[in-house]
Amino acid sequence: MNIQPVSLTEKAIEEVKNIMSNKSIPEGYGLRIGVKGGGGCGGHGFMLGFDKPKDGDLTYDIEGITVHIEKRQTMYLVGLEVDFYEGSDARGFTFVNPNSVTSE
């Protein structure tokens, strides 16, 4: 049994399933969670998209959603929580990273 490095909130799961059923995501594709950008002051950013599995991916099932993560990015994603925010001011996926360190 694989331990999942990331988690999705109920709202995020609901929105991903909604997108998959309404946006013609091709058969065999799953949700890809990854890291974008480099280190430095800004740290890492995170990305979501739909993609086919690739060599070097770890694949997980989260509430019926196939999730692909590049094995080499796992260390940056451990503990990451993907949420979905829907308010009057904005709408979209958010990332809560308990490992991020901020300085003022």
N, C-alpha and C. Protein backbone atom coordinates (compact mmCIF):
# COMPACT_ATOMS: atom_id res chain seq x y z
N MET A 1 0.84 -1.19 0.00
CA MET A 1 0.00 0.00 0.00
C MET A 1 0.88 1.25 0.00
N ASN A 2 0.62 2.15 -0.92
CA ASN A 2 1.39 3.39 -1.00
C ASN A 2 0.76 4.43 -0.09
N ILE A 3 1.61 5.17 0.60
CA ILE A 3 1.14 6.30 1.39
C ILE A 3 1.05 7.49 0.45
N GLN A 4 -0.07 8.17 0.47
CA GLN A 4 -0.28 9.29 -0.45
C GLN A 4 0.42 10.53 0.08
N PRO A 5 1.28 11.15 -0.73
CA PRO A 5 1.98 12.34 -0.27
C PRO A 5 1.09 13.58 -0.23
N VAL A 6 0.00 13.57 -1.01
CA VAL A 6 -0.90 14.73 -1.05
C VAL A 6 -2.31 14.31 -0.67
N SER A 7 -3.11 15.30 -0.28
CA SER A 7 -4.51 15.03 0.00
C SER A 7 -5.37 16.06 -0.72
N LEU A 8 -6.61 15.68 -0.96
CA LEU A 8 -7.58 16.57 -1.59
C LEU A 8 -8.75 16.72 -0.62
N THR A 9 -9.22 17.94 -0.44
CA THR A 9 -10.39 18.16 0.41
C THR A 9 -11.64 17.69 -0.34
N GLU A 10 -12.74 17.59 0.38
CA GLU A 10 -14.00 17.17 -0.26
C GLU A 10 -14.38 18.11 -1.39
N LYS A 11 -14.20 19.42 -1.18
CA LYS A 11 -14.53 20.40 -2.23
C LYS A 11 -13.65 20.20 -3.46
N ALA A 12 -12.36 19.92 -3.25
CA ALA A 12 -11.45 19.71 -4.38
C ALA A 12 -11.83 18.44 -5.13
N ILE A 13 -12.15 17.37 -4.41
CA ILE A 13 -12.56 16.11 -5.04
C ILE A 13 -13.81 16.33 -5.88
N GLU A 14 -14.76 17.04 -5.32
CA GLU A 14 -16.02 17.32 -6.03
C GLU A 14 -15.75 18.11 -7.32
N GLU A 15 -14.89 19.12 -7.24
CA GLU A 15 -14.60 19.95 -8.42
C GLU A 15 -13.82 19.17 -9.48
N VAL A 16 -12.84 18.36 -9.07
CA VAL A 16 -12.07 17.56 -10.03
C VAL A 16 -13.00 16.59 -10.76
N LYS A 17 -13.88 15.92 -10.01
CA LYS A 17 -14.83 15.00 -10.65
C LYS A 17 -15.76 15.74 -11.59
N ASN A 18 -16.17 16.93 -11.22
CA ASN A 18 -17.02 17.76 -12.07
C ASN A 18 -16.30 18.11 -13.36
N ILE A 19 -15.05 18.52 -13.26
CA ILE A 19 -14.26 18.87 -14.45
C ILE A 19 -14.09 17.64 -15.34
N MET A 20 -13.76 16.50 -14.73
CA MET A 20 -13.53 15.29 -15.52
C MET A 20 -14.79 14.85 -16.27
N SER A 21 -15.95 15.05 -15.68
CA SER A 21 -17.17 14.60 -16.36
C SER A 21 -17.70 15.63 -17.36
N ASN A 22 -17.37 16.91 -17.18
CA ASN A 22 -17.93 17.94 -18.04
C ASN A 22 -16.98 18.52 -19.08
N LYS A 23 -15.70 18.23 -18.99
CA LYS A 23 -14.73 18.85 -19.89
C LYS A 23 -14.08 17.87 -20.86
N SER A 24 -14.66 16.72 -21.05
CA SER A 24 -14.16 15.73 -22.01
C SER A 24 -12.69 15.37 -21.80
N ILE A 25 -12.33 15.10 -20.55
CA ILE A 25 -10.97 14.65 -20.26
C ILE A 25 -10.84 13.24 -20.86
N PRO A 26 -9.81 13.00 -21.68
CA PRO A 26 -9.69 11.70 -22.36
C PRO A 26 -9.56 10.52 -21.39
N GLU A 27 -10.04 9.38 -21.83
CA GLU A 27 -9.92 8.14 -21.08
C GLU A 27 -8.45 7.86 -20.79
N GLY A 28 -8.15 7.40 -19.61
CA GLY A 28 -6.77 7.07 -19.26
C GLY A 28 -5.99 8.23 -18.67
N TYR A 29 -6.57 9.42 -18.67
CA TYR A 29 -5.92 10.57 -18.07
C TYR A 29 -6.27 10.64 -16.58
N GLY A 30 -5.37 11.21 -15.82
CA GLY A 30 -5.61 11.42 -14.41
C GLY A 30 -5.19 12.82 -14.03
N LEU A 31 -5.38 13.16 -12.78
CA LEU A 31 -4.99 14.46 -12.27
C LEU A 31 -3.50 14.46 -11.96
N ARG A 32 -2.77 15.37 -12.57
CA ARG A 32 -1.34 15.50 -12.29
C ARG A 32 -1.14 16.65 -11.32
N ILE A 33 -0.45 16.36 -10.23
CA ILE A 33 -0.08 17.38 -9.26
C ILE A 33 1.43 17.49 -9.31
N GLY A 34 1.94 18.70 -9.47
CA GLY A 34 3.37 18.86 -9.60
C GLY A 34 3.88 20.16 -9.04
N VAL A 35 5.18 20.32 -9.20
CA VAL A 35 5.89 21.50 -8.72
C VAL A 35 6.31 22.32 -9.93
N LYS A 36 6.16 23.62 -9.84
CA LYS A 36 6.65 24.49 -10.89
C LYS A 36 7.56 25.54 -10.25
N GLY A 37 8.49 26.03 -11.03
CA GLY A 37 9.41 27.04 -10.52
C GLY A 37 10.53 26.42 -9.72
N GLY A 38 11.46 27.25 -9.34
CA GLY A 38 12.61 26.76 -8.59
C GLY A 38 12.54 27.19 -7.15
N GLY A 39 13.62 27.07 -6.48
CA GLY A 39 13.70 27.47 -5.08
C GLY A 39 13.75 28.98 -4.97
N GLY A 40 14.73 29.50 -4.29
CA GLY A 40 14.85 30.94 -4.17
C GLY A 40 13.85 31.51 -3.20
N CYS A 41 13.72 32.81 -3.22
CA CYS A 41 12.86 33.50 -2.25
C CYS A 41 11.39 33.10 -2.40
N GLY A 42 10.97 32.89 -3.63
CA GLY A 42 9.57 32.57 -3.87
C GLY A 42 9.21 31.14 -3.54
N GLY A 43 10.20 30.27 -3.40
CA GLY A 43 9.92 28.87 -3.13
C GLY A 43 9.32 28.19 -4.34
N HIS A 44 8.66 27.09 -4.09
CA HIS A 44 8.05 26.33 -5.17
C HIS A 44 6.58 26.71 -5.32
N GLY A 45 6.11 26.67 -6.55
CA GLY A 45 4.70 26.81 -6.82
C GLY A 45 4.17 25.42 -7.17
N PHE A 46 2.88 25.26 -7.16
CA PHE A 46 2.28 23.97 -7.45
C PHE A 46 1.37 24.10 -8.64
N MET A 47 1.19 22.98 -9.36
CA MET A 47 0.33 22.99 -10.54
C MET A 47 -0.57 21.77 -10.55
N LEU A 48 -1.69 21.94 -11.21
CA LEU A 48 -2.65 20.86 -11.44
C LEU A 48 -2.93 20.80 -12.92
N GLY A 49 -3.17 19.61 -13.41
CA GLY A 49 -3.56 19.44 -14.80
C GLY A 49 -4.00 18.00 -15.01
N PHE A 50 -4.47 17.71 -16.19
CA PHE A 50 -4.86 16.34 -16.52
C PHE A 50 -3.87 15.80 -17.53
N ASP A 51 -3.40 14.58 -17.29
CA ASP A 51 -2.31 14.04 -18.08
C ASP A 51 -2.35 12.52 -18.03
N LYS A 52 -1.68 11.90 -19.01
CA LYS A 52 -1.50 10.45 -19.00
C LYS A 52 -0.34 10.12 -18.06
N PRO A 53 -0.31 8.90 -17.53
CA PRO A 53 0.84 8.52 -16.70
C PRO A 53 2.11 8.48 -17.54
N LYS A 54 3.23 8.83 -16.91
CA LYS A 54 4.53 8.83 -17.59
C LYS A 54 5.49 7.95 -16.81
N ASP A 55 6.58 7.56 -17.47
CA ASP A 55 7.63 6.82 -16.77
C ASP A 55 8.13 7.67 -15.62
N GLY A 56 8.33 7.06 -14.48
CA GLY A 56 8.82 7.79 -13.32
C GLY A 56 7.73 8.40 -12.47
N ASP A 57 6.47 8.14 -12.83
CA ASP A 57 5.35 8.65 -12.03
C ASP A 57 5.01 7.69 -10.91
N LEU A 58 4.53 8.24 -9.83
CA LEU A 58 3.83 7.47 -8.80
C LEU A 58 2.36 7.75 -9.02
N THR A 59 1.53 6.73 -8.94
CA THR A 59 0.10 6.89 -9.19
C THR A 59 -0.67 6.46 -7.96
N TYR A 60 -1.65 7.27 -7.59
CA TYR A 60 -2.47 7.03 -6.41
C TYR A 60 -3.94 7.14 -6.79
N ASP A 61 -4.78 6.53 -5.99
CA ASP A 61 -6.22 6.69 -6.13
C ASP A 61 -6.70 7.44 -4.91
N ILE A 62 -7.27 8.61 -5.13
CA ILE A 62 -7.83 9.40 -4.03
C ILE A 62 -9.32 9.57 -4.31
N GLU A 63 -10.13 8.84 -3.56
CA GLU A 63 -11.59 8.92 -3.70
C GLU A 63 -12.06 8.73 -5.14
N GLY A 64 -11.45 7.78 -5.85
CA GLY A 64 -11.85 7.48 -7.21
C GLY A 64 -11.18 8.34 -8.27
N ILE A 65 -10.29 9.23 -7.86
CA ILE A 65 -9.55 10.07 -8.80
C ILE A 65 -8.13 9.52 -8.92
N THR A 66 -7.71 9.23 -10.14
CA THR A 66 -6.34 8.78 -10.36
C THR A 66 -5.44 10.01 -10.33
N VAL A 67 -4.43 9.98 -9.46
CA VAL A 67 -3.51 11.11 -9.29
C VAL A 67 -2.11 10.67 -9.68
N HIS A 68 -1.46 11.45 -10.56
CA HIS A 68 -0.09 11.17 -10.99
C HIS A 68 0.84 12.23 -10.40
N ILE A 69 1.97 11.76 -9.88
CA ILE A 69 3.00 12.64 -9.33
C ILE A 69 4.35 12.13 -9.82
N GLU A 70 5.19 13.02 -10.33
CA GLU A 70 6.54 12.61 -10.70
C GLU A 70 7.29 12.21 -9.45
N LYS A 71 7.88 11.03 -9.50
CA LYS A 71 8.57 10.50 -8.32
C LYS A 71 9.60 11.48 -7.77
N ARG A 72 10.32 12.15 -8.66
CA ARG A 72 11.38 13.06 -8.21
C ARG A 72 10.83 14.33 -7.54
N GLN A 73 9.53 14.59 -7.69
CA GLN A 73 8.93 15.78 -7.06
C GLN A 73 8.25 15.45 -5.73
N THR A 74 8.18 14.18 -5.39
CA THR A 74 7.44 13.77 -4.20
C THR A 74 7.89 14.50 -2.95
N MET A 75 9.19 14.67 -2.77
CA MET A 75 9.69 15.30 -1.55
C MET A 75 9.18 16.73 -1.37
N TYR A 76 8.83 17.41 -2.46
CA TYR A 76 8.30 18.77 -2.38
C TYR A 76 6.79 18.79 -2.14
N LEU A 77 6.15 17.64 -2.31
CA LEU A 77 4.69 17.57 -2.24
C LEU A 77 4.17 16.90 -0.97
N VAL A 78 5.03 16.26 -0.21
CA VAL A 78 4.59 15.55 0.99
C VAL A 78 3.86 16.51 1.93
N GLY A 79 2.65 16.14 2.29
CA GLY A 79 1.85 16.95 3.20
C GLY A 79 0.98 17.99 2.53
N LEU A 80 1.13 18.16 1.21
CA LEU A 80 0.36 19.17 0.49
C LEU A 80 -1.12 18.83 0.49
N GLU A 81 -1.95 19.83 0.76
CA GLU A 81 -3.40 19.66 0.69
C GLU A 81 -3.93 20.55 -0.43
N VAL A 82 -4.69 19.93 -1.33
CA VAL A 82 -5.32 20.67 -2.43
C VAL A 82 -6.76 20.92 -2.03
N ASP A 83 -7.16 22.19 -2.08
CA ASP A 83 -8.51 22.58 -1.72
C ASP A 83 -9.11 23.33 -2.91
N PHE A 84 -10.42 23.56 -2.86
CA PHE A 84 -11.08 24.35 -3.89
C PHE A 84 -11.85 25.45 -3.19
N TYR A 85 -11.59 26.69 -3.62
CA TYR A 85 -12.23 27.85 -3.03
C TYR A 85 -13.21 28.44 -4.02
N GLU A 86 -14.40 28.75 -3.52
CA GLU A 86 -15.39 29.38 -4.37
C GLU A 86 -16.06 30.48 -3.57
N GLY A 87 -15.74 31.71 -3.91
CA GLY A 87 -16.30 32.85 -3.20
C GLY A 87 -16.73 33.91 -4.19
N SER A 88 -17.22 35.02 -3.67
CA SER A 88 -17.67 36.10 -4.55
C SER A 88 -16.49 36.82 -5.19
N ASP A 89 -15.31 36.71 -4.57
CA ASP A 89 -14.13 37.40 -5.09
C ASP A 89 -13.26 36.55 -6.00
N ALA A 90 -13.31 35.24 -5.83
CA ALA A 90 -12.44 34.37 -6.62
C ALA A 90 -12.96 32.93 -6.59
N ARG A 91 -12.41 32.13 -7.49
CA ARG A 91 -12.79 30.72 -7.59
C ARG A 91 -11.59 29.96 -8.12
N GLY A 92 -11.20 28.88 -7.45
CA GLY A 92 -10.09 28.10 -7.97
C GLY A 92 -9.49 27.18 -6.92
N PHE A 93 -8.52 26.41 -7.38
CA PHE A 93 -7.84 25.48 -6.49
C PHE A 93 -6.80 26.24 -5.68
N THR A 94 -6.64 25.83 -4.43
CA THR A 94 -5.64 26.41 -3.55
C THR A 94 -4.77 25.28 -3.01
N PHE A 95 -3.57 25.64 -2.60
CA PHE A 95 -2.61 24.66 -2.10
C PHE A 95 -2.19 25.06 -0.69
N VAL A 96 -2.34 24.14 0.24
CA VAL A 96 -1.90 24.38 1.61
C VAL A 96 -0.70 23.48 1.84
N ASN A 97 0.47 24.11 2.01
CA ASN A 97 1.70 23.36 2.18
C ASN A 97 2.23 23.57 3.59
N PRO A 98 2.10 22.57 4.45
CA PRO A 98 2.56 22.73 5.83
C PRO A 98 4.08 22.81 5.94
N ASN A 99 4.79 22.46 4.88
CA ASN A 99 6.24 22.48 4.90
C ASN A 99 6.84 23.82 4.49
N SER A 100 5.98 24.75 4.02
CA SER A 100 6.53 26.00 3.52
C SER A 100 6.95 26.87 4.70
N VAL A 101 8.08 27.51 4.51
CA VAL A 101 8.61 28.39 5.54
C VAL A 101 8.59 29.80 4.98
N THR A 102 7.98 30.69 5.72
CA THR A 102 7.95 32.07 5.27
C THR A 102 8.78 32.92 6.20
N SER A 103 9.38 33.96 5.66
CA SER A 103 10.14 34.89 6.48
C SER A 103 9.66 36.29 6.17
N GLU A 104 9.78 37.15 7.15
CA GLU A 104 9.32 38.53 6.95
C GLU A 104 10.46 39.49 6.94
